[in-house]
């Protein structure tokens, strides 16, 4: 499925289905250096499915379905 961003910021946005319905919500909190990803359900209820804790100079920690992985911020969006 192809999703589009609801706003220009990939750090604070919703991912929209081709029909324009919010499917996922992404929120980044600079005060805690944390990005959360939530699945939007029927009735606009949200359930957290992932979290990234960014750490300056070190790999960040991502928690996806209860499993921790380490993420290097500088190469996060590179191929």
C-alpha atoms as a PDB file:
ATOM      1  CA  UNK A   1       0.000   0.000   0.000  1.00  0.00           C
ATOM      2  CA  UNK A   2       1.232   3.515  -0.752  1.00  0.00           C
ATOM      3  CA  UNK A   3       0.993   6.034   2.084  1.00  0.00           C
ATOM      4  CA  UNK A   4       1.412   9.795   1.939  1.00  0.00           C
ATOM      5  CA  UNK A   5       2.423  12.274   4.648  1.00  0.00           C
ATOM      6  CA  UNK A   6      -0.293  14.524   6.047  1.00  0.00           C
ATOM      7  CA  UNK A   7       2.301  17.272   6.698  1.00  0.00           C
ATOM      8  CA  UNK A   8       5.749  18.117   5.349  1.00  0.00           C
ATOM      9  CA  UNK A   9       7.469  16.856   8.514  1.00  0.00           C
ATOM     10  CA  UNK A  10       8.194  13.117   8.646  1.00  0.00           C
ATOM     11  CA  UNK A  11       8.714  13.485  12.417  1.00  0.00           C
ATOM     12  CA  UNK A  12       5.236  14.830  13.287  1.00  0.00           C
ATOM     13  CA  UNK A  13       2.599  13.666  10.846  1.00  0.00           C
ATOM     14  CA  UNK A  14       0.033  11.064   9.948  1.00  0.00           C
ATOM     15  CA  UNK A  15       0.498   8.499   7.208  1.00  0.00           C
ATOM     16  CA  UNK A  16      -2.568   8.590   4.980  1.00  0.00           C
ATOM     17  CA  UNK A  17      -4.034   5.783   2.894  1.00  0.00           C
ATOM     18  CA  UNK A  18      -4.764   6.461  -0.790  1.00  0.00           C
ATOM     19  CA  UNK A  19      -8.333   7.254   0.322  1.00  0.00           C
ATOM     20  CA  UNK A  20      -7.016   9.989   2.670  1.00  0.00           C
ATOM     21  CA  UNK A  21      -7.668   8.104   5.935  1.00  0.00           C
ATOM     22  CA  UNK A  22      -5.050   8.352   8.710  1.00  0.00           C
ATOM     23  CA  UNK A  23      -3.561   4.866   9.188  1.00  0.00           C
ATOM     24  CA  UNK A  24      -0.495   5.669  11.328  1.00  0.00           C
ATOM     25  CA  UNK A  25       0.476   8.676  13.445  1.00  0.00           C
ATOM     26  CA  UNK A  26       4.110   9.695  14.012  1.00  0.00           C
ATOM     27  CA  UNK A  27       4.958  12.053  16.886  1.00  0.00           C
ATOM     28  CA  UNK A  28       8.426  13.241  17.892  1.00  0.00           C
ATOM     29  CA  UNK A  29       9.008  14.805  21.301  1.00  0.00           C
ATOM     30  CA  UNK A  30      12.233  16.817  21.331  1.00  0.00           C
ATOM     31  CA  UNK A  31      12.212  17.133  25.133  1.00  0.00           C
ATOM     32  CA  UNK A  32      12.611  13.358  25.494  1.00  0.00           C
ATOM     33  CA  UNK A  33      14.275  12.680  22.079  1.00  0.00           C
ATOM     34  CA  UNK A  34      11.557  10.108  21.401  1.00  0.00           C
ATOM     35  CA  UNK A  35       9.541   9.315  18.286  1.00  0.00           C
ATOM     36  CA  UNK A  36       6.402   7.188  18.640  1.00  0.00           C
ATOM     37  CA  UNK A  37       4.509   5.405  15.879  1.00  0.00           C
ATOM     38  CA  UNK A  38       0.852   4.634  16.526  1.00  0.00           C
ATOM     39  CA  UNK A  39      -1.654   2.685  14.448  1.00  0.00           C
ATOM     40  CA  UNK A  40      -4.929   4.544  14.053  1.00  0.00           C
ATOM     41  CA  UNK A  41      -7.925   2.257  14.401  1.00  0.00           C
ATOM     42  CA  UNK A  42     -11.624   2.586  13.831  1.00  0.00           C
ATOM     43  CA  UNK A  43     -13.110   5.552  15.631  1.00  0.00           C
ATOM     44  CA  UNK A  44      -9.645   7.164  15.507  1.00  0.00           C
ATOM     45  CA  UNK A  45      -8.375   5.172  18.524  1.00  0.00           C
ATOM     46  CA  UNK A  46      -4.569   4.855  18.559  1.00  0.00           C
ATOM     47  CA  UNK A  47      -2.283   2.020  19.666  1.00  0.00           C
ATOM     48  CA  UNK A  48       1.487   2.453  19.965  1.00  0.00           C
ATOM     49  CA  UNK A  49       3.306  -0.034  17.731  1.00  0.00           C
ATOM     50  CA  UNK A  50       6.814   1.379  17.922  1.00  0.00           C
ATOM     51  CA  UNK A  51       9.096   3.875  19.614  1.00  0.00           C
ATOM     52  CA  UNK A  52      12.549   5.293  18.805  1.00  0.00           C
ATOM     53  CA  UNK A  53      14.688   6.914  21.503  1.00  0.00           C
ATOM     54  CA  UNK A  54      17.322   9.089  19.811  1.00  0.00           C
ATOM     55  CA  UNK A  55      20.664   9.367  21.607  1.00  0.00           C
ATOM     56  CA  UNK A  56      23.209  11.964  20.516  1.00  0.00           C
ATOM     57  CA  UNK A  57      26.450  10.365  19.359  1.00  0.00           C
ATOM     58  CA  UNK A  58      25.210   6.828  19.978  1.00  0.00           C
ATOM     59  CA  UNK A  59      22.754   4.552  18.194  1.00  0.00           C
ATOM     60  CA  UNK A  60      19.154   5.146  19.203  1.00  0.00           C
ATOM     61  CA  UNK A  61      16.951   2.416  20.592  1.00  0.00           C
ATOM     62  CA  UNK A  62      13.864   1.312  18.686  1.00  0.00           C
ATOM     63  CA  UNK A  63      11.196  -0.790  20.334  1.00  0.00           C
ATOM     64  CA  UNK A  64       8.958  -2.585  17.847  1.00  0.00           C
ATOM     65  CA  UNK A  65       6.357  -5.020  19.143  1.00  0.00           C
ATOM     66  CA  UNK A  66       8.377  -5.355  22.359  1.00  0.00           C
ATOM     67  CA  UNK A  67      11.718  -6.064  20.642  1.00  0.00           C
ATOM     68  CA  UNK A  68      14.639  -3.610  21.022  1.00  0.00           C
ATOM     69  CA  UNK A  69      16.844  -2.777  18.046  1.00  0.00           C
ATOM     70  CA  UNK A  70      19.526  -0.094  17.705  1.00  0.00           C
ATOM     71  CA  UNK A  71      19.229   2.670  15.103  1.00  0.00           C
ATOM     72  CA  UNK A  72      21.980   4.967  13.830  1.00  0.00           C
ATOM     73  CA  UNK A  73      20.284   8.345  13.282  1.00  0.00           C
ATOM     74  CA  UNK A  74      22.744   9.522  10.616  1.00  0.00           C
ATOM     75  CA  UNK A  75      21.929   6.561   8.367  1.00  0.00           C
ATOM     76  CA  UNK A  76      18.268   6.130   9.330  1.00  0.00           C
ATOM     77  CA  UNK A  77      16.908   7.598   6.080  1.00  0.00           C
ATOM     78  CA  UNK A  78      19.751   6.555   3.767  1.00  0.00           C
ATOM     79  CA  UNK A  79      19.668   3.557   1.479  1.00  0.00           C
END
